Protein backbone atom coordinates (compact mmCIF):
# COMPACT_ATOMS: atom_id res chain seq x y z
CA MET A 1 0.00 0.00 0.00
CA GLY A 2 2.84 2.38 0.82
CA ARG A 3 4.62 1.76 -2.46
CA LEU A 4 1.51 2.93 -4.31
CA LEU A 5 0.61 5.74 -1.90
CA ALA A 6 3.84 7.68 -2.45
CA PRO A 7 3.41 8.37 -6.18
CA LEU A 8 -0.35 8.78 -5.84
CA SER A 9 0.10 11.50 -3.22
CA PHE A 10 2.01 13.62 -5.73
CA VAL A 11 -0.76 13.15 -8.29
CA PHE A 12 -3.27 14.48 -5.78
CA ALA A 13 -0.92 17.32 -4.81
CA ALA A 14 -0.65 18.29 -8.46
CA ILE A 15 -4.32 17.97 -9.35
CA ALA A 16 -5.61 19.61 -6.17
CA SER A 17 -3.15 22.50 -6.15
CA THR A 18 -5.57 25.43 -6.05
CA VAL A 19 -6.48 27.18 -2.80
CA ASN A 20 -10.07 25.89 -2.77
CA GLN A 21 -9.02 22.28 -3.35
CA ARG A 22 -6.26 22.45 -0.73
CA GLN A 23 -8.98 23.06 1.85
CA ASP A 24 -10.39 19.56 1.24
CA VAL A 25 -7.39 17.67 2.59
CA GLU A 26 -9.46 15.08 4.46
CA ARG A 27 -11.47 14.22 1.36
CA ASN A 28 -8.31 13.88 -0.74
CA LEU A 29 -6.61 11.68 1.88
CA THR A 30 -9.68 9.46 2.09
CA ILE A 31 -9.77 9.02 -1.68
CA MET A 32 -6.03 8.28 -1.82
CA PHE A 33 -6.23 5.68 0.94
CA ALA A 34 -9.30 4.09 -0.66
CA ILE A 35 -7.55 3.77 -4.02
CA THR A 36 -4.38 2.31 -2.53
CA LEU A 37 -6.35 0.01 -0.25
CA VAL A 38 -8.25 -1.44 -3.21
CA PHE A 39 -5.03 -1.91 -5.17
CA SER A 40 -3.25 -3.46 -2.19
CA ILE A 41 -6.09 -5.96 -1.74
CA ILE A 42 -6.17 -7.06 -5.37
CA VAL A 43 -2.38 -7.11 -5.97
CA PRO A 44 -1.03 -10.65 -5.82
CA ILE A 45 2.11 -10.82 -3.70
CA ASN A 46 4.78 -13.48 -3.87
CA THR A 47 6.09 -14.03 -0.35
CA ALA A 48 8.34 -16.82 -1.60
CA LYS A 49 10.49 -14.28 -3.43
CA ILE A 50 12.00 -11.38 -1.50
CA THR A 51 14.32 -8.86 -3.15
CA SER A 52 17.84 -8.18 -1.92
CA ALA A 53 16.53 -4.90 -0.48
CA GLY A 54 14.09 -6.85 1.71
CA ALA A 55 10.89 -6.05 -0.18
CA VAL A 56 8.26 -8.66 -0.90
CA THR A 57 7.68 -8.97 -4.65
CA TRP A 58 4.29 -8.71 -6.25
CA GLY A 59 2.65 -10.14 -9.31
CA PHE A 60 2.47 -8.16 -12.52
CA PRO A 61 5.55 -6.05 -11.68
CA VAL A 62 5.60 -4.39 -15.11
CA LEU A 63 1.99 -3.26 -14.73
CA PHE A 64 2.66 -1.60 -11.40
CA MET A 65 5.88 -0.04 -12.65
CA VAL A 66 3.87 1.47 -15.53
CA ILE A 67 1.28 2.74 -13.01
CA ARG A 68 4.05 4.42 -10.99
CA ILE A 69 5.59 5.97 -14.10
CA LEU A 70 2.18 7.24 -15.19
CA CYS A 71 1.67 8.81 -11.75
CA VAL A 72 5.03 10.57 -12.07
CA LEU A 73 4.24 11.79 -15.58
CA VAL A 74 0.75 12.99 -14.65
CA SER A 75 2.13 14.84 -11.63
CA PHE A 76 4.93 16.45 -13.62
CA ILE A 77 2.68 17.50 -16.51
CA THR A 78 0.00 18.83 -14.16
CA PHE A 79 2.49 20.92 -12.17
CA PHE A 80 4.01 22.18 -15.41
CA ILE A 81 0.60 23.14 -16.82
CA SER A 82 -0.24 24.83 -13.51
CA SER A 83 2.91 26.93 -13.83
CA LYS A 84 1.70 28.17 -17.21
CA SER A 85 -1.91 28.77 -16.18
CA PHE A 86 -1.08 30.51 -12.89
CA SER A 87 2.02 32.25 -14.33
CA SER A 88 4.00 30.92 -11.39
CA VAL A 89 7.61 29.84 -11.55
CA GLU A 90 7.17 27.97 -8.26
CA PHE A 91 4.96 25.32 -9.87
CA LYS A 92 7.62 24.67 -12.50
CA LYS A 93 10.27 24.33 -9.78
CA ILE A 94 7.94 22.02 -7.86
CA ALA A 95 7.54 19.85 -10.96
CA PHE A 96 11.28 19.39 -11.35
CA SER A 97 11.93 18.93 -7.63
CA MET A 98 9.26 16.22 -7.63
CA LEU A 99 11.33 14.36 -10.24
CA PHE A 100 14.35 14.53 -7.91
CA ILE A 101 12.21 13.18 -5.07
CA PHE A 102 11.00 10.26 -7.20
CA ALA A 103 14.50 9.47 -8.46
CA GLY A 104 15.91 9.49 -4.93
CA TYR A 105 12.95 7.54 -3.58
CA SER A 106 13.31 4.89 -6.27
CA LEU A 107 17.02 4.51 -5.57
CA LEU A 108 16.52 4.35 -1.80
CA VAL A 109 13.70 1.82 -1.96
CA THR A 110 15.68 -0.52 -4.18
CA SER A 111 19.11 0.12 -2.65
CA ASP A 112 20.90 -2.92 -1.36
CA ASN A 113 24.41 -1.44 -1.26
CA TYR A 114 26.03 1.77 -0.10
CA VAL A 115 26.58 3.13 -3.61
CA MET A 116 22.87 3.15 -4.43
CA MET A 117 22.10 4.62 -1.03
CA ALA A 118 24.77 7.30 -1.49
CA LEU A 119 23.21 8.23 -4.85
CA GLY A 120 19.61 8.14 -3.62
CA PHE A 121 19.91 10.11 -0.41
CA PRO A 122 21.24 13.38 -1.90
CA LEU A 123 18.64 13.28 -4.69
CA PHE A 124 15.87 12.64 -2.18
CA ALA A 125 17.06 15.32 0.28
CA PHE A 126 17.63 17.92 -2.46
CA GLY A 127 14.22 17.20 -3.99
CA ILE A 128 12.43 17.49 -0.66
CA SER A 129 14.17 20.73 0.29
CA CYS A 130 13.40 22.33 -3.10
CA TYR A 131 9.83 21.01 -3.08
CA LEU A 132 9.07 22.36 0.39
CA LYS A 133 10.82 25.68 -0.23
CA ASN A 134 8.80 26.28 -3.39
CA LEU A 135 5.59 24.96 -1.86
CA HIS A 136 5.83 27.44 1.00
CA SER A 137 6.65 30.30 -1.35
CA LEU A 138 3.47 29.86 -3.40
CA ASN A 139 1.54 33.08 -3.26
CA ASN A 140 -1.97 31.65 -2.95
CA ALA A 141 -2.28 30.58 -6.57
């Protein structure tokens, strides 16, 4: 459920980025948890095969990788379109910092050696710091 909730949260952050929609946080969280709960119930897991990073594998790995990539693309495109429609540079910076977060997150989740962890942590930390800095500097778009 957590592996699906992370990319889906950015989709909701991108789609519900206006002031009026940011007021409905509880509704958005409920919808996100409902979607990931349904997916986590229907996803077949293979407890006989565990990755070297300690994660339990699941069936149809290509399908769920495509779903994650689509979430990233939808989030990026939505933030980028929001930067054009609101004439805000912050949304464009948020879009690119989100890519750093996803790259770092992907490396950290799959890391099973210090090299991958050393590559993932700076990307993740840089992405989060840029994302939060730009998120807090939004001027009520």
